[in-house]
């Protein structure tokens, strides 16, 4: 199975995380290149580049949501409304996650202990 993307990719020690042009997200083993898991639940949401933050894979979408997934199997771990409109960027600035909307609103996120 191939992955085709027009975006940057997210990385951790074990995987490369990419959003396919069909709207699915996949984890690819960094050494073997094998697809470890594929998450099809967000197709049509115009996903941003996935990032790894605090042991989770986080991806923003065109509807203003942040989606959190397990890096092990791609299972959903949470979802948070980040904005009322589209997100433009999601970046990690340890220890926080930063979101930027298309209207220029910047927010910093942190996990509750």
PDB file of N, CA and C in Angstrom:
ATOM      1  N   UNK A   1       0.846  -1.171   0.000  1.00  0.00           N
ATOM      2  CA  UNK A   1       0.000   0.000   0.000  1.00  0.00           C
ATOM      3  C   UNK A   1       0.893   1.237   0.000  1.00  0.00           C
ATOM      4  N   UNK A   2       0.605   2.179  -0.858  1.00  0.00           N
ATOM      5  CA  UNK A   2       1.392   3.395  -0.976  1.00  0.00           C
ATOM      6  C   UNK A   2       0.716   4.570  -0.289  1.00  0.00           C
ATOM      7  N   UNK A   3       1.526   5.557   0.062  1.00  0.00           N
ATOM      8  CA  UNK A   3       1.034   6.810   0.624  1.00  0.00           C
ATOM      9  C   UNK A   3       1.512   7.917  -0.298  1.00  0.00           C
ATOM     10  N   UNK A   4       0.603   8.808  -0.663  1.00  0.00           N
ATOM     11  CA  UNK A   4       0.954   9.952  -1.494  1.00  0.00           C
ATOM     12  C   UNK A   4       0.518  11.210  -0.755  1.00  0.00           C
ATOM     13  N   UNK A   5       1.443  12.128  -0.525  1.00  0.00           N
ATOM     14  CA  UNK A   5       1.120  13.328   0.236  1.00  0.00           C
ATOM     15  C   UNK A   5       1.712  14.566  -0.426  1.00  0.00           C
ATOM     16  N   UNK A   6       1.088  15.691  -0.179  1.00  0.00           N
ATOM     17  CA  UNK A   6       1.592  16.978  -0.659  1.00  0.00           C
ATOM     18  C   UNK A   6       2.050  17.842   0.511  1.00  0.00           C
ATOM     19  N   UNK A   7       2.072  17.267   1.722  1.00  0.00           N
ATOM     20  CA  UNK A   7       2.401  17.999   2.935  1.00  0.00           C
ATOM     21  C   UNK A   7       3.693  17.480   3.566  1.00  0.00           C
ATOM     22  N   UNK A   8       4.130  18.220   4.563  1.00  0.00           N
ATOM     23  CA  UNK A   8       5.230  17.739   5.393  1.00  0.00           C
ATOM     24  C   UNK A   8       4.730  16.550   6.202  1.00  0.00           C
ATOM     25  N   UNK A   9       5.649  15.861   6.847  1.00  0.00           N
ATOM     26  CA  UNK A   9       5.296  14.700   7.664  1.00  0.00           C
ATOM     27  C   UNK A   9       5.709  14.945   9.111  1.00  0.00           C
ATOM     28  N   UNK A  10       5.082  14.209  10.033  1.00  0.00           N
ATOM     29  CA  UNK A  10       5.463  14.224  11.432  1.00  0.00           C
ATOM     30  C   UNK A  10       6.354  13.036  11.724  1.00  0.00           C
ATOM     31  N   UNK A  11       7.199  13.156  12.736  1.00  0.00           N
ATOM     32  CA  UNK A  11       8.160  12.097  13.058  1.00  0.00           C
ATOM     33  C   UNK A  11       8.228  11.853  14.553  1.00  0.00           C
ATOM     34  N   UNK A  12       8.497  10.603  14.913  1.00  0.00           N
ATOM     35  CA  UNK A  12       8.973  10.278  16.249  1.00  0.00           C
ATOM     36  C   UNK A  12      10.058   9.232  16.079  1.00  0.00           C
ATOM     37  N   UNK A  13      10.498   8.626  17.151  1.00  0.00           N
ATOM     38  CA  UNK A  13      11.618   7.683  17.070  1.00  0.00           C
ATOM     39  C   UNK A  13      11.291   6.450  16.234  1.00  0.00           C
ATOM     40  N   UNK A  14      10.027   6.070  16.160  1.00  0.00           N
ATOM     41  CA  UNK A  14       9.653   4.827  15.480  1.00  0.00           C
ATOM     42  C   UNK A  14       8.948   5.019  14.146  1.00  0.00           C
ATOM     43  N   UNK A  15       8.209   6.134  13.978  1.00  0.00           N
ATOM     44  CA  UNK A  15       7.332   6.262  12.827  1.00  0.00           C
ATOM     45  C   UNK A  15       7.453   7.598  12.101  1.00  0.00           C
ATOM     46  N   UNK A  16       6.993   7.602  10.869  1.00  0.00           N
ATOM     47  CA  UNK A  16       6.722   8.802  10.092  1.00  0.00           C
ATOM     48  C   UNK A  16       5.207   8.855   9.961  1.00  0.00           C
ATOM     49  N   UNK A  17       4.603  10.010  10.216  1.00  0.00           N
ATOM     50  CA  UNK A  17       3.155  10.161  10.138  1.00  0.00           C
ATOM     51  C   UNK A  17       2.830  11.068   8.960  1.00  0.00           C
ATOM     52  N   UNK A  18       1.959  10.595   8.084  1.00  0.00           N
ATOM     53  CA  UNK A  18       1.650  11.348   6.874  1.00  0.00           C
ATOM     54  C   UNK A  18       0.150  11.347   6.612  1.00  0.00           C
ATOM     55  N   UNK A  19      -0.316  12.434   6.009  1.00  0.00           N
ATOM     56  CA  UNK A  19      -1.699  12.532   5.558  1.00  0.00           C
ATOM     57  C   UNK A  19      -1.701  12.259   4.064  1.00  0.00           C
ATOM     58  N   UNK A  20      -2.421  11.223   3.668  1.00  0.00           N
ATOM     59  CA  UNK A  20      -2.523  10.841   2.264  1.00  0.00           C
ATOM     60  C   UNK A  20      -3.426  11.838   1.538  1.00  0.00           C
ATOM     61  N   UNK A  21      -3.271  11.949   0.226  1.00  0.00           N
ATOM     62  CA  UNK A  21      -4.108  12.866  -0.543  1.00  0.00           C
ATOM     63  C   UNK A  21      -5.583  12.480  -0.488  1.00  0.00           C
ATOM     64  N   UNK A  22      -5.881  11.232  -0.105  1.00  0.00           N
ATOM     65  CA  UNK A  22      -7.285  10.819   0.029  1.00  0.00           C
ATOM     66  C   UNK A  22      -7.884  11.237   1.375  1.00  0.00           C
ATOM     67  N   UNK A  23      -7.070  11.863   2.253  1.00  0.00           N
ATOM     68  CA  UNK A  23      -7.559  12.345   3.532  1.00  0.00           C
ATOM     69  C   UNK A  23      -7.337  11.410   4.700  1.00  0.00           C
ATOM     70  N   UNK A  24      -6.790  10.233   4.455  1.00  0.00           N
ATOM     71  CA  UNK A  24      -6.485   9.328   5.566  1.00  0.00           C
ATOM     72  C   UNK A  24      -5.108   9.682   6.132  1.00  0.00           C
ATOM     73  N   UNK A  25      -4.842   9.206   7.342  1.00  0.00           N
ATOM     74  CA  UNK A  25      -3.545   9.421   7.967  1.00  0.00           C
ATOM     75  C   UNK A  25      -2.915   8.059   8.217  1.00  0.00           C
ATOM     76  N   UNK A  26      -1.600   7.979   8.066  1.00  0.00           N
ATOM     77  CA  UNK A  26      -0.920   6.697   8.243  1.00  0.00           C
ATOM     78  C   UNK A  26       0.359   6.874   9.039  1.00  0.00           C
ATOM     79  N   UNK A  27       0.714   5.803   9.751  1.00  0.00           N
ATOM     80  CA  UNK A  27       2.004   5.701  10.424  1.00  0.00           C
ATOM     81  C   UNK A  27       2.848   4.720   9.623  1.00  0.00           C
ATOM     82  N   UNK A  28       4.049   5.142   9.290  1.00  0.00           N
ATOM     83  CA  UNK A  28       4.959   4.337   8.482  1.00  0.00           C
ATOM     84  C   UNK A  28       6.200   4.051   9.317  1.00  0.00           C
ATOM     85  N   UNK A  29       6.600   2.786   9.379  1.00  0.00           N
ATOM     86  CA  UNK A  29       7.781   2.401  10.155  1.00  0.00           C
ATOM     87  C   UNK A  29       9.005   3.092   9.562  1.00  0.00           C
ATOM     88  N   UNK A  30       9.799   3.762  10.401  1.00  0.00           N
ATOM     89  CA  UNK A  30      10.935   4.555   9.911  1.00  0.00           C
ATOM     90  C   UNK A  30      12.026   3.721   9.265  1.00  0.00           C
ATOM     91  N   UNK A  31      12.173   2.475   9.679  1.00  0.00           N
ATOM     92  CA  UNK A  31      13.255   1.644   9.129  1.00  0.00           C
ATOM     93  C   UNK A  31      12.792   0.802   7.954  1.00  0.00           C
ATOM     94  N   UNK A  32      11.664   0.120   8.104  1.00  0.00           N
ATOM     95  CA  UNK A  32      11.222  -0.808   7.053  1.00  0.00           C
ATOM     96  C   UNK A  32      10.368  -0.153   5.974  1.00  0.00           C
ATOM     97  N   UNK A  33       9.738   0.976   6.284  1.00  0.00           N
ATOM     98  CA  UNK A  33       8.845   1.623   5.333  1.00  0.00           C
ATOM     99  C   UNK A  33       7.459   0.998   5.279  1.00  0.00           C
ATOM    100  N   UNK A  34       7.217   0.021   6.124  1.00  0.00           N
ATOM    101  CA  UNK A  34       5.912  -0.647   6.148  1.00  0.00           C
ATOM    102  C   UNK A  34       4.870   0.241   6.830  1.00  0.00           C
ATOM    103  N   UNK A  35       3.646   0.193   6.342  1.00  0.00           N
ATOM    104  CA  UNK A  35       2.564   0.926   6.981  1.00  0.00           C
ATOM    105  C   UNK A  35       2.155   0.172   8.245  1.00  0.00           C
ATOM    106  N   UNK A  36       2.251   0.852   9.381  1.00  0.00           N
ATOM    107  CA  UNK A  36       1.950   0.262  10.681  1.00  0.00           C
ATOM    108  C   UNK A  36       0.446   0.343  10.960  1.00  0.00           C
ATOM    109  N   UNK A  37      -0.145   1.490  10.670  1.00  0.00           N
ATOM    110  CA  UNK A  37      -1.588   1.659  10.793  1.00  0.00           C
ATOM    111  C   UNK A  37      -2.054   2.760   9.857  1.00  0.00           C
ATOM    112  N   UNK A  38      -3.339   2.737   9.595  1.00  0.00           N
ATOM    113  CA  UNK A  38      -3.973   3.750   8.751  1.00  0.00           C
ATOM    114  C   UNK A  38      -5.260   4.182   9.450  1.00  0.00           C
ATOM    115  N   UNK A  39      -5.497   5.493   9.525  1.00  0.00           N
ATOM    116  CA  UNK A  39      -6.683   6.049  10.163  1.00  0.00           C
ATOM    117  C   UNK A  39      -7.523   6.727   9.078  1.00  0.00           C
ATOM    118  N   UNK A  40      -8.683   6.124   8.783  1.00  0.00           N
ATOM    119  CA  UNK A  40      -9.558   6.629   7.719  1.00  0.00           C
ATOM    120  C   UNK A  40     -10.727   7.452   8.247  1.00  0.00           C
ATOM    121  N   UNK A  41     -10.821   7.635   9.547  1.00  0.00           N
ATOM    122  CA  UNK A  41     -11.969   8.287  10.150  1.00  0.00           C
ATOM    123  C   UNK A  41     -12.104   9.774   9.889  1.00  0.00           C
ATOM    124  N   UNK A  42     -11.081  10.414   9.328  1.00  0.00           N
ATOM    125  CA  UNK A  42     -11.133  11.860   9.116  1.00  0.00           C
ATOM    126  C   UNK A  42     -11.113  12.247   7.636  1.00  0.00           C
ATOM    127  N   UNK A  43     -11.413  11.308   6.775  1.00  0.00           N
ATOM    128  CA  UNK A  43     -11.424  11.621   5.337  1.00  0.00           C
ATOM    129  C   UNK A  43     -12.387  12.774   5.063  1.00  0.00           C
ATOM    130  N   UNK A  44     -11.951  13.674   4.187  1.00  0.00           N
ATOM    131  CA  UNK A  44     -12.770  14.827   3.820  1.00  0.00           C
ATOM    132  C   UNK A  44     -12.635  16.009   4.760  1.00  0.00           C
ATOM    133  N   UNK A  45     -11.788  15.900   5.795  1.00  0.00           N
ATOM    134  CA  UNK A  45     -11.646  16.982   6.783  1.00  0.00           C
ATOM    135  C   UNK A  45     -10.497  17.933   6.452  1.00  0.00           C
ATOM    136  N   UNK A  46      -9.790  17.730   5.356  1.00  0.00           N
ATOM    137  CA  UNK A  46      -8.655  18.579   4.961  1.00  0.00           C
ATOM    138  C   UNK A  46      -7.674  18.722   6.121  1.00  0.00           C
ATOM    139  N   UNK A  47      -6.959  17.647   6.392  1.00  0.00           N
ATOM    140  CA  UNK A  47      -6.054  17.569   7.533  1.00  0.00           C
ATOM    141  C   UNK A  47      -4.758  18.327   7.294  1.00  0.00           C
ATOM    142  N   UNK A  48      -4.215  18.851   8.387  1.00  0.00           N
ATOM    143  CA  UNK A  48      -2.905  19.499   8.363  1.00  0.00           C
ATOM    144  C   UNK A  48      -1.820  18.454   8.605  1.00  0.00           C
ATOM    145  N   UNK A  49      -0.585  18.882   8.579  1.00  0.00           N
ATOM    146  CA  UNK A  49       0.542  18.006   8.870  1.00  0.00           C
ATOM    147  C   UNK A  49       0.433  17.481  10.298  1.00  0.00           C
ATOM    148  N   UNK A  50       0.528  16.161  10.497  1.00  0.00           N
ATOM    149  CA  UNK A  50       0.488  15.607  11.850  1.00  0.00           C
ATOM    150  C   UNK A  50       1.748  15.994  12.639  1.00  0.00           C
ATOM    151  N   UNK A  51       1.575  16.165  13.946  1.00  0.00           N
ATOM    152  CA  UNK A  51       2.705  16.417  14.838  1.00  0.00           C
ATOM    153  C   UNK A  51       2.639  15.424  15.986  1.00  0.00           C
ATOM    154  N   UNK A  52       3.773  15.203  16.616  1.00  0.00           N
ATOM    155  CA  UNK A  52       3.829  14.339  17.791  1.00  0.00           C
ATOM    156  C   UNK A  52       4.027  15.236  19.001  1.00  0.00           C
ATOM    157  N   UNK A  53       3.107  15.095  19.953  1.00  0.00           N
ATOM    158  CA  UNK A  53       3.127  15.949  21.141  1.00  0.00           C
ATOM    159  C   UNK A  53       2.729  15.137  22.359  1.00  0.00           C
ATOM    160  N   UNK A  54       3.628  15.091  23.325  1.00  0.00           N
ATOM    161  CA  UNK A  54       3.373  14.403  24.592  1.00  0.00           C
ATOM    162  C   UNK A  54       2.909  12.961  24.400  1.00  0.00           C
ATOM    163  N   UNK A  55       3.541  12.267  23.448  1.00  0.00           N
ATOM    164  CA  UNK A  55       3.255  10.860  23.233  1.00  0.00           C
ATOM    165  C   UNK A  55       2.004  10.581  22.420  1.00  0.00           C
ATOM    166  N   UNK A  56       1.431  11.606  21.796  1.00  0.00           N
ATOM    167  CA  UNK A  56       0.247  11.448  20.963  1.00  0.00           C
ATOM    168  C   UNK A  56       0.506  12.021  19.578  1.00  0.00           C
ATOM    169  N   UNK A  57      -0.208  11.511  18.588  1.00  0.00           N
ATOM    170  CA  UNK A  57      -0.175  12.085  17.250  1.00  0.00           C
ATOM    171  C   UNK A  57      -1.352  13.048  17.176  1.00  0.00           C
ATOM    172  N   UNK A  58      -1.065  14.305  16.834  1.00  0.00           N
ATOM    173  CA  UNK A  58      -2.089  15.345  16.797  1.00  0.00           C
ATOM    174  C   UNK A  58      -2.183  15.883  15.378  1.00  0.00           C
ATOM    175  N   UNK A  59      -3.419  16.027  14.892  1.00  0.00           N
ATOM    176  CA  UNK A  59      -3.638  16.592  13.571  1.00  0.00           C
ATOM    177  C   UNK A  59      -4.816  17.563  13.646  1.00  0.00           C
ATOM    178  N   UNK A  60      -4.649  18.726  13.029  1.00  0.00           N
ATOM    179  CA  UNK A  60      -5.721  19.707  12.958  1.00  0.00           C
ATOM    180  C   UNK A  60      -6.470  19.559  11.649  1.00  0.00           C
ATOM    181  N   UNK A  61      -7.667  20.171  11.579  1.00  0.00           N
ATOM    182  CA  UNK A  61      -8.441  20.047  10.350  1.00  0.00           C
ATOM    183  C   UNK A  61      -9.068  21.375   9.923  1.00  0.00           C
ATOM    184  N   UNK A  62      -9.728  21.343   8.777  1.00  0.00           N
ATOM    185  CA  UNK A  62     -10.311  22.538   8.181  1.00  0.00           C
ATOM    186  C   UNK A  62     -11.567  23.016   8.899  1.00  0.00           C
ATOM    187  N   UNK A  63     -12.039  22.250   9.868  1.00  0.00           N
ATOM    188  CA  UNK A  63     -13.219  22.660  10.624  1.00  0.00           C
ATOM    189  C   UNK A  63     -12.864  23.193  12.011  1.00  0.00           C
ATOM    190  N   UNK A  64     -11.553  23.322  12.294  1.00  0.00           N
ATOM    191  CA  UNK A  64     -11.109  23.899  13.558  1.00  0.00           C
ATOM    192  C   UNK A  64     -10.930  22.915  14.695  1.00  0.00           C
ATOM    193  N   UNK A  65     -10.867  21.624  14.402  1.00  0.00           N
ATOM    194  CA  UNK A  65     -10.702  20.597  15.434  1.00  0.00           C
ATOM    195  C   UNK A  65      -9.277  20.082  15.492  1.00  0.00           C
ATOM    196  N   UNK A  66      -8.851  19.717  16.704  1.00  0.00           N
ATOM    197  CA  UNK A  66      -7.621  18.964  16.929  1.00  0.00           C
ATOM    198  C   UNK A  66      -8.023  17.531  17.237  1.00  0.00           C
ATOM    199  N   UNK A  67      -7.394  16.575  16.574  1.00  0.00           N
ATOM    200  CA  UNK A  67      -7.671  15.157  16.786  1.00  0.00           C
ATOM    201  C   UNK A  67      -6.408  14.516  17.335  1.00  0.00           C
ATOM    202  N   UNK A  68      -6.541  13.724  18.391  1.00  0.00           N
ATOM    203  CA  UNK A  68      -5.408  13.075  19.037  1.00  0.00           C
ATOM    204  C   UNK A  68      -5.522  11.569  18.867  1.00  0.00           C
ATOM    205  N   UNK A  69      -4.398  10.931  18.506  1.00  0.00           N
ATOM    206  CA  UNK A  69      -4.374   9.500  18.226  1.00  0.00           C
ATOM    207  C   UNK A  69      -3.203   8.825  18.923  1.00  0.00           C
ATOM    208  N   UNK A  70      -3.382   7.547  19.176  1.00  0.00           N
ATOM    209  CA  UNK A  70      -2.292   6.726  19.707  1.00  0.00           C
ATOM    210  C   UNK A  70      -1.267   6.502  18.601  1.00  0.00           C
ATOM    211  N   UNK A  71       0.026   6.689  18.900  1.00  0.00           N
ATOM    212  CA  UNK A  71       1.039   6.404  17.891  1.00  0.00           C
ATOM    213  C   UNK A  71       1.234   4.905  17.666  1.00  0.00           C
ATOM    214  N   UNK A  72       0.755   4.080  18.577  1.00  0.00           N
ATOM    215  CA  UNK A  72       0.934   2.633  18.491  1.00  0.00           C
ATOM    216  C   UNK A  72      -0.009   1.997  17.480  1.00  0.00           C
ATOM    217  N   UNK A  73      -1.310   2.370  17.564  1.00  0.00           N
ATOM    218  CA  UNK A  73      -2.281   1.708  16.690  1.00  0.00           C
ATOM    219  C   UNK A  73      -3.227   2.666  15.964  1.00  0.00           C
ATOM    220  N   UNK A  74      -3.070   3.973  16.142  1.00  0.00           N
ATOM    221  CA  UNK A  74      -3.910   4.941  15.454  1.00  0.00           C
ATOM    222  C   UNK A  74      -5.294   5.113  16.039  1.00  0.00           C
ATOM    223  N   UNK A  75      -5.538   4.536  17.203  1.00  0.00           N
ATOM    224  CA  UNK A  75      -6.861   4.663  17.809  1.00  0.00           C
ATOM    225  C   UNK A  75      -7.056   6.088  18.351  1.00  0.00           C
ATOM    226  N   UNK A  76      -8.284   6.616  18.241  1.00  0.00           N
ATOM    227  CA  UNK A  76      -8.557   7.963  18.741  1.00  0.00           C
ATOM    228  C   UNK A  76      -8.355   8.057  20.247  1.00  0.00           C
ATOM    229  N   UNK A  77      -7.740   9.159  20.689  1.00  0.00           N
ATOM    230  CA  UNK A  77      -7.495   9.387  22.113  1.00  0.00           C
ATOM    231  C   UNK A  77      -8.163  10.665  22.612  1.00  0.00           C
ATOM    232  N   UNK A  78      -8.693  11.459  21.692  1.00  0.00           N
ATOM    233  CA  UNK A  78      -9.374  12.673  22.109  1.00  0.00           C
ATOM    234  C   UNK A  78      -9.589  13.603  20.935  1.00  0.00           C
ATOM    235  N   UNK A  79     -10.389  14.633  21.215  1.00  0.00           N
ATOM    236  CA  UNK A  79     -10.698  15.623  20.192  1.00  0.00           C
ATOM    237  C   UNK A  79     -11.042  16.911  20.914  1.00  0.00           C
ATOM    238  N   UNK A  80     -10.573  18.028  20.384  1.00  0.00           N
ATOM    239  CA  UNK A  80     -10.796  19.314  21.035  1.00  0.00           C
ATOM    240  C   UNK A  80     -11.073  20.376  19.974  1.00  0.00           C
ATOM    241  N   UNK A  81     -12.087  21.194  20.224  1.00  0.00           N
ATOM    242  CA  UNK A  81     -12.395  22.297  19.315  1.00  0.00           C
ATOM    243  C   UNK A  81     -11.353  23.388  19.539  1.00  0.00           C
ATOM    244  N   UNK A  82     -10.562  23.688  18.535  1.00  0.00           N
ATOM    245  CA  UNK A  82      -9.500  24.678  18.655  1.00  0.00           C
ATOM    246  C   UNK A  82      -9.927  26.044  18.145  1.00  0.00           C
ATOM    247  N   UNK A  83     -10.870  26.059  17.198  1.00  0.00           N
ATOM    248  CA  UNK A  83     -11.302  27.317  16.593  1.00  0.00           C
ATOM    249  C   UNK A  83     -12.666  27.132  15.940  1.00  0.00           C
ATOM    250  N   UNK A  84     -13.342  28.214  15.673  1.00  0.00           N
ATOM    251  CA  UNK A  84     -14.640  28.163  14.983  1.00  0.00           C
ATOM    252  C   UNK A  84     -14.469  28.058  13.473  1.00  0.00           C
ATOM    253  N   UNK A  85     -13.272  28.305  13.001  1.00  0.00           N
ATOM    254  CA  UNK A  85     -12.990  28.224  11.572  1.00  0.00           C
ATOM    255  C   UNK A  85     -11.784  27.354  11.312  1.00  0.00           C
ATOM    256  N   UNK A  86     -11.310  27.331  10.097  1.00  0.00           N
ATOM    257  CA  UNK A  86     -10.201  26.450   9.722  1.00  0.00           C
ATOM    258  C   UNK A  86      -8.895  26.770  10.458  1.00  0.00           C
ATOM    259  N   UNK A  87      -8.177  25.720  10.774  1.00  0.00           N
ATOM    260  CA  UNK A  87      -6.825  25.877  11.298  1.00  0.00           C
ATOM    261  C   UNK A  87      -5.858  25.988  10.127  1.00  0.00           C
ATOM    262  N   UNK A  88      -4.818  26.779  10.306  1.00  0.00           N
ATOM    263  CA  UNK A  88      -3.801  26.930   9.274  1.00  0.00           C
ATOM    264  C   UNK A  88      -2.538  26.150   9.631  1.00  0.00           C
ATOM    265  N   UNK A  89      -2.266  26.041  10.939  1.00  0.00           N
ATOM    266  CA  UNK A  89      -1.031  25.402  11.355  1.00  0.00           C
ATOM    267  C   UNK A  89      -1.151  24.862  12.773  1.00  0.00           C
ATOM    268  N   UNK A  90      -0.489  23.726  13.003  1.00  0.00           N
ATOM    269  CA  UNK A  90      -0.355  23.140  14.338  1.00  0.00           C
ATOM    270  C   UNK A  90       1.123  22.800  14.498  1.00  0.00           C
ATOM    271  N   UNK A  91       1.754  23.362  15.520  1.00  0.00           N
ATOM    272  CA  UNK A  91       3.177  23.111  15.749  1.00  0.00           C
ATOM    273  C   UNK A  91       3.422  22.825  17.223  1.00  0.00           C
ATOM    274  N   UNK A  92       4.494  22.106  17.483  1.00  0.00           N
ATOM    275  CA  UNK A  92       4.895  21.810  18.854  1.00  0.00           C
ATOM    276  C   UNK A  92       5.969  22.803  19.266  1.00  0.00           C
ATOM    277  N   UNK A  93       5.739  23.460  20.386  1.00  0.00           N
ATOM    278  CA  UNK A  93       6.722  24.333  21.020  1.00  0.00           C
ATOM    279  C   UNK A  93       6.771  23.889  22.472  1.00  0.00           C
ATOM    280  N   UNK A  94       7.541  22.814  22.706  1.00  0.00           N
ATOM    281  CA  UNK A  94       7.532  22.116  23.987  1.00  0.00           C
ATOM    282  C   UNK A  94       7.595  23.098  25.145  1.00  0.00           C
ATOM    283  N   UNK A  95       6.751  22.911  26.138  1.00  0.00           N
ATOM    284  CA  UNK A  95       5.864  21.784  26.351  1.00  0.00           C
ATOM    285  C   UNK A  95       4.472  21.984  25.741  1.00  0.00           C
ATOM    286  N   UNK A  96       4.271  23.063  25.021  1.00  0.00           N
ATOM    287  CA  UNK A  96       2.937  23.377  24.527  1.00  0.00           C
ATOM    288  C   UNK A  96       2.756  23.021  23.053  1.00  0.00           C
ATOM    289  N   UNK A  97       1.486  22.961  22.678  1.00  0.00           N
ATOM    290  CA  UNK A  97       1.087  22.802  21.291  1.00  0.00           C
ATOM    291  C   UNK A  97       0.493  24.142  20.871  1.00  0.00           C
ATOM    292  N   UNK A  98       0.900  24.644  19.715  1.00  0.00           N
ATOM    293  CA  UNK A  98       0.396  25.925  19.242  1.00  0.00           C
ATOM    294  C   UNK A  98      -0.495  25.716  18.026  1.00  0.00           C
ATOM    295  N   UNK A  99      -1.620  26.430  17.997  1.00  0.00           N
ATOM    296  CA  UNK A  99      -2.501  26.396  16.829  1.00  0.00           C
ATOM    297  C   UNK A  99      -2.642  27.815  16.292  1.00  0.00           C
ATOM    298  N   UNK A 100      -2.681  27.910  14.975  1.00  0.00           N
ATOM    299  CA  UNK A 100      -2.873  29.189  14.298  1.00  0.00           C
ATOM    300  C   UNK A 100      -4.034  29.040  13.338  1.00  0.00           C
ATOM    301  N   UNK A 101      -5.013  29.943  13.433  1.00  0.00           N
ATOM    302  CA  UNK A 101      -6.170  29.877  12.544  1.00  0.00           C
ATOM    303  C   UNK A 101      -5.901  30.689  11.274  1.00  0.00           C
ATOM    304  N   UNK A 102      -6.759  30.517  10.298  1.00  0.00           N
ATOM    305  CA  UNK A 102      -6.635  31.277   9.046  1.00  0.00           C
ATOM    306  C   UNK A 102      -6.924  32.762   9.274  1.00  0.00           C
ATOM    307  N   UNK A 103      -7.546  33.094  10.418  1.00  0.00           N
ATOM    308  CA  UNK A 103      -7.807  34.500  10.753  1.00  0.00           C
ATOM    309  C   UNK A 103      -6.707  35.100  11.623  1.00  0.00           C
ATOM    310  N   UNK A 104      -5.639  34.331  11.874  1.00  0.00           N
ATOM    311  CA  UNK A 104      -4.497  34.842  12.611  1.00  0.00           C
ATOM    312  C   UNK A 104      -4.549  34.667  14.113  1.00  0.00           C
ATOM    313  N   UNK A 105      -5.485  33.898  14.633  1.00  0.00           N
ATOM    314  CA  UNK A 105      -5.567  33.682  16.090  1.00  0.00           C
ATOM    315  C   UNK A 105      -4.598  32.573  16.495  1.00  0.00           C
ATOM    316  N   UNK A 106      -3.701  32.903  17.418  1.00  0.00           N
ATOM    317  CA  UNK A 106      -2.709  31.953  17.927  1.00  0.00           C
ATOM    318  C   UNK A 106      -3.121  31.527  19.327  1.00  0.00           C
ATOM    319  N   UNK A 107      -3.127  30.185  19.563  1.00  0.00           N
ATOM    320  CA  UNK A 107      -3.444  29.651  20.890  1.00  0.00           C
ATOM    321  C   UNK A 107      -2.390  28.655  21.306  1.00  0.00           C
ATOM    322  N   UNK A 108      -2.130  28.605  22.611  1.00  0.00           N
ATOM    323  CA  UNK A 108      -1.216  27.629  23.183  1.00  0.00           C
ATOM    324  C   UNK A 108      -2.043  26.634  23.979  1.00  0.00           C
ATOM    325  N   UNK A 109      -1.726  25.340  23.806  1.00  0.00           N
ATOM    326  CA  UNK A 109      -2.451  24.245  24.469  1.00  0.00           C
ATOM    327  C   UNK A 109      -1.494  23.484  25.355  1.00  0.00           C
ATOM    328  N   UNK A 110      -2.053  22.936  26.432  1.00  0.00           N
ATOM    329  CA  UNK A 110      -1.286  22.091  27.323  1.00  0.00           C
ATOM    330  C   UNK A 110      -2.225  20.994  27.836  1.00  0.00           C
ATOM    331  N   UNK A 111      -1.668  19.832  28.148  1.00  0.00           N
ATOM    332  CA  UNK A 111      -2.475  18.759  28.711  1.00  0.00           C
ATOM    333  C   UNK A 111      -2.633  18.957  30.201  1.00  0.00           C
ATOM    334  N   UNK A 112      -3.820  18.669  30.726  1.00  0.00           N
ATOM    335  CA  UNK A 112      -4.018  18.711  32.171  1.00  0.00           C
ATOM    336  C   UNK A 112      -3.305  17.529  32.803  1.00  0.00           C
ATOM    337  N   UNK A 113      -2.616  17.743  33.923  1.00  0.00           N
ATOM    338  CA  UNK A 113      -1.921  16.613  34.579  1.00  0.00           C
ATOM    339  C   UNK A 113      -2.884  15.586  35.115  1.00  0.00           C
TER     340      UNK A 113
END
